[in-house]
Amino acid sequence: MAEESSPSPLPTNEPETFDLDEEHLASQGIRTDTISLLMKIEQLQSQLKYERRCRILAERELRELKGWWEHTQSN
């Protein structure tokens, strides 16, 4: 009976090692997802900055044209 009890610790060690590998792989996946999200955030921030600049320039041009139009109508 001593022989039957000796192999049992080996199978309990194997799942623990497998669980650690799963945790390691999961943390790599989380790290990859985090990096992807940070890159997407950076891309969206750049796009927003560009769109703000375009809006500011368009508003400035609209004010200038409006001023020009009002000036030509008053003459």
N, C-alpha and C. Protein backbone atom coordinates (compact mmCIF):
# COMPACT_ATOMS: atom_id res chain seq x y z
N MET A 1 0.82 -1.21 0.00
CA MET A 1 0.00 0.00 0.00
C MET A 1 0.86 1.26 0.00
N ALA A 2 2.06 1.15 0.49
CA ALA A 2 2.94 2.31 0.49
C ALA A 2 3.25 2.73 -0.94
N GLU A 3 3.30 1.76 -1.87
CA GLU A 3 3.58 2.09 -3.26
C GLU A 3 2.41 2.86 -3.88
N GLU A 4 1.19 2.55 -3.48
CA GLU A 4 0.02 3.25 -4.03
C GLU A 4 -0.02 4.71 -3.60
N SER A 5 0.39 5.01 -2.40
CA SER A 5 0.32 6.38 -1.91
C SER A 5 1.47 7.24 -2.44
N SER A 6 2.59 6.67 -2.84
CA SER A 6 3.72 7.47 -3.31
C SER A 6 3.48 8.14 -4.66
N PRO A 7 2.79 7.53 -5.64
CA PRO A 7 2.59 8.26 -6.90
C PRO A 7 1.58 9.41 -6.81
N SER A 8 0.75 9.45 -5.81
CA SER A 8 -0.30 10.46 -5.75
C SER A 8 0.22 11.90 -5.66
N PRO A 9 1.36 12.18 -4.97
CA PRO A 9 1.82 13.58 -4.95
C PRO A 9 2.20 14.11 -6.32
N LEU A 10 2.66 13.28 -7.23
CA LEU A 10 3.06 13.77 -8.54
C LEU A 10 1.92 14.40 -9.33
N PRO A 11 0.75 13.74 -9.42
CA PRO A 11 -0.33 14.39 -10.16
C PRO A 11 -0.79 15.71 -9.54
N THR A 12 -0.71 15.85 -8.22
CA THR A 12 -1.14 17.12 -7.61
C THR A 12 -0.15 18.23 -7.93
N ASN A 13 1.13 17.90 -8.14
CA ASN A 13 2.12 18.92 -8.50
C ASN A 13 1.93 19.38 -9.94
N GLU A 14 1.57 18.50 -10.83
CA GLU A 14 1.43 18.86 -12.24
C GLU A 14 0.36 19.91 -12.48
N PRO A 15 -0.84 19.78 -11.91
CA PRO A 15 -1.83 20.83 -12.15
C PRO A 15 -1.40 22.18 -11.61
N GLU A 16 -0.65 22.21 -10.50
CA GLU A 16 -0.17 23.50 -9.98
C GLU A 16 0.76 24.17 -10.98
N THR A 17 1.65 23.41 -11.58
CA THR A 17 2.55 23.94 -12.59
C THR A 17 1.75 24.43 -13.80
N PHE A 18 0.74 23.67 -14.18
CA PHE A 18 -0.11 24.06 -15.30
C PHE A 18 -0.86 25.34 -14.97
N ASP A 19 -1.35 25.45 -13.74
CA ASP A 19 -2.05 26.67 -13.33
C ASP A 19 -1.12 27.88 -13.39
N LEU A 20 0.11 27.68 -12.96
CA LEU A 20 1.06 28.79 -13.02
C LEU A 20 1.30 29.21 -14.46
N ASP A 21 1.41 28.23 -15.36
CA ASP A 21 1.59 28.55 -16.77
C ASP A 21 0.37 29.29 -17.31
N GLU A 22 -0.82 28.87 -16.90
CA GLU A 22 -2.03 29.57 -17.34
C GLU A 22 -2.03 31.00 -16.84
N GLU A 23 -1.65 31.19 -15.59
CA GLU A 23 -1.59 32.55 -15.03
C GLU A 23 -0.58 33.39 -15.79
N HIS A 24 0.57 32.80 -16.10
CA HIS A 24 1.60 33.52 -16.84
C HIS A 24 1.10 33.91 -18.22
N LEU A 25 0.46 32.96 -18.90
CA LEU A 25 -0.09 33.26 -20.23
C LEU A 25 -1.19 34.30 -20.14
N ALA A 26 -2.02 34.20 -19.11
CA ALA A 26 -3.10 35.17 -18.95
C ALA A 26 -2.52 36.56 -18.69
N SER A 27 -1.46 36.64 -17.87
CA SER A 27 -0.88 37.96 -17.60
C SER A 27 -0.24 38.53 -18.86
N GLN A 28 0.33 37.68 -19.71
CA GLN A 28 0.87 38.17 -20.98
C GLN A 28 -0.25 38.70 -21.86
N GLY A 29 -1.39 38.00 -21.86
CA GLY A 29 -2.54 38.45 -22.63
C GLY A 29 -3.06 39.78 -22.12
N ILE A 30 -3.11 39.92 -20.81
CA ILE A 30 -3.56 41.17 -20.21
C ILE A 30 -2.60 42.29 -20.56
N ARG A 31 -1.29 41.99 -20.51
CA ARG A 31 -0.28 42.99 -20.84
C ARG A 31 -0.43 43.42 -22.30
N THR A 32 -0.66 42.46 -23.18
CA THR A 32 -0.83 42.76 -24.60
C THR A 32 -2.09 43.60 -24.81
N ASP A 33 -3.17 43.24 -24.13
CA ASP A 33 -4.40 44.02 -24.24
C ASP A 33 -4.19 45.44 -23.73
N THR A 34 -3.47 45.57 -22.64
CA THR A 34 -3.20 46.90 -22.07
C THR A 34 -2.40 47.75 -23.03
N ILE A 35 -1.37 47.17 -23.62
CA ILE A 35 -0.55 47.91 -24.59
C ILE A 35 -1.40 48.31 -25.78
N SER A 36 -2.23 47.40 -26.27
CA SER A 36 -3.11 47.72 -27.40
C SER A 36 -4.05 48.86 -27.06
N LEU A 37 -4.62 48.83 -25.86
CA LEU A 37 -5.52 49.90 -25.45
C LEU A 37 -4.79 51.23 -25.30
N LEU A 38 -3.59 51.21 -24.75
CA LEU A 38 -2.83 52.45 -24.61
C LEU A 38 -2.48 53.03 -25.98
N MET A 39 -2.14 52.17 -26.93
CA MET A 39 -1.84 52.64 -28.28
C MET A 39 -3.09 53.23 -28.92
N LYS A 40 -4.24 52.61 -28.71
CA LYS A 40 -5.50 53.12 -29.26
C LYS A 40 -5.84 54.47 -28.63
N ILE A 41 -5.63 54.60 -27.33
CA ILE A 41 -5.88 55.88 -26.65
C ILE A 41 -5.00 56.97 -27.23
N GLU A 42 -3.72 56.65 -27.43
CA GLU A 42 -2.79 57.62 -28.01
C GLU A 42 -3.24 58.04 -29.41
N GLN A 43 -3.68 57.06 -30.19
CA GLN A 43 -4.16 57.35 -31.55
C GLN A 43 -5.39 58.26 -31.50
N LEU A 44 -6.33 57.96 -30.61
CA LEU A 44 -7.54 58.77 -30.51
C LEU A 44 -7.24 60.18 -30.00
N GLN A 45 -6.28 60.30 -29.08
CA GLN A 45 -5.89 61.63 -28.59
C GLN A 45 -5.27 62.45 -29.71
N SER A 46 -4.45 61.84 -30.52
CA SER A 46 -3.84 62.55 -31.65
C SER A 46 -4.91 62.99 -32.64
N GLN A 47 -5.85 62.10 -32.91
CA GLN A 47 -6.94 62.43 -33.83
C GLN A 47 -7.78 63.57 -33.28
N LEU A 48 -8.07 63.54 -31.99
CA LEU A 48 -8.86 64.60 -31.37
C LEU A 48 -8.12 65.94 -31.43
N LYS A 49 -6.82 65.90 -31.18
CA LYS A 49 -6.01 67.12 -31.25
C LYS A 49 -6.05 67.71 -32.66
N TYR A 50 -5.93 66.85 -33.67
CA TYR A 50 -5.99 67.30 -35.06
C TYR A 50 -7.36 67.91 -35.38
N GLU A 51 -8.42 67.22 -34.95
CA GLU A 51 -9.77 67.72 -35.22
C GLU A 51 -10.04 69.04 -34.51
N ARG A 52 -9.50 69.21 -33.31
CA ARG A 52 -9.65 70.50 -32.60
C ARG A 52 -8.96 71.61 -33.37
N ARG A 53 -7.74 71.33 -33.87
CA ARG A 53 -7.03 72.35 -34.66
C ARG A 53 -7.82 72.72 -35.91
N CYS A 54 -8.37 71.72 -36.57
CA CYS A 54 -9.17 71.98 -37.78
C CYS A 54 -10.40 72.82 -37.43
N ARG A 55 -11.05 72.50 -36.33
CA ARG A 55 -12.24 73.26 -35.92
C ARG A 55 -11.88 74.70 -35.60
N ILE A 56 -10.78 74.91 -34.90
CA ILE A 56 -10.35 76.27 -34.55
C ILE A 56 -10.05 77.07 -35.81
N LEU A 57 -9.34 76.45 -36.76
CA LEU A 57 -9.05 77.14 -38.01
C LEU A 57 -10.32 77.44 -38.80
N ALA A 58 -11.26 76.50 -38.82
CA ALA A 58 -12.51 76.71 -39.55
C ALA A 58 -13.33 77.82 -38.90
N GLU A 59 -13.36 77.86 -37.57
CA GLU A 59 -14.09 78.92 -36.88
C GLU A 59 -13.46 80.29 -37.14
N ARG A 60 -12.13 80.33 -37.16
CA ARG A 60 -11.43 81.58 -37.44
C ARG A 60 -11.74 82.06 -38.86
N GLU A 61 -11.70 81.13 -39.80
CA GLU A 61 -12.00 81.48 -41.19
C GLU A 61 -13.45 81.95 -41.33
N LEU A 62 -14.35 81.31 -40.64
CA LEU A 62 -15.76 81.70 -40.68
C LEU A 62 -15.95 83.11 -40.13
N ARG A 63 -15.27 83.42 -39.02
CA ARG A 63 -15.36 84.78 -38.46
C ARG A 63 -14.83 85.81 -39.44
N GLU A 64 -13.71 85.49 -40.09
CA GLU A 64 -13.12 86.43 -41.05
C GLU A 64 -14.07 86.65 -42.23
N LEU A 65 -14.64 85.56 -42.74
CA LEU A 65 -15.58 85.69 -43.86
C LEU A 65 -16.83 86.44 -43.45
N LYS A 66 -17.29 86.17 -42.24
CA LYS A 66 -18.48 86.86 -41.75
C LYS A 66 -18.20 88.37 -41.63
N GLY A 67 -17.01 88.70 -41.10
CA GLY A 67 -16.63 90.11 -40.99
C GLY A 67 -16.51 90.75 -42.36
N TRP A 68 -15.91 90.03 -43.30
CA TRP A 68 -15.78 90.54 -44.67
C TRP A 68 -17.16 90.75 -45.27
N TRP A 69 -18.07 89.80 -45.09
CA TRP A 69 -19.42 89.88 -45.65
C TRP A 69 -20.19 91.07 -45.07
N GLU A 70 -20.11 91.23 -43.76
CA GLU A 70 -20.78 92.37 -43.13
C GLU A 70 -20.19 93.69 -43.60
N HIS A 71 -18.89 93.73 -43.80
CA HIS A 71 -18.23 94.95 -44.27
C HIS A 71 -18.69 95.28 -45.71
N THR A 72 -18.79 94.27 -46.57
CA THR A 72 -19.20 94.53 -47.95
C THR A 72 -20.67 94.90 -48.04
N GLN A 73 -21.48 94.41 -47.14
CA GLN A 73 -22.91 94.73 -47.15
C GLN A 73 -23.17 96.15 -46.65
N SER A 74 -22.30 96.66 -45.78
CA SER A 74 -22.50 98.00 -45.23
C SER A 74 -22.07 99.07 -46.23
N ASN A 75 -21.28 98.72 -47.21
CA ASN A 75 -20.83 99.72 -48.21
C ASN A 75 -21.80 99.89 -49.28
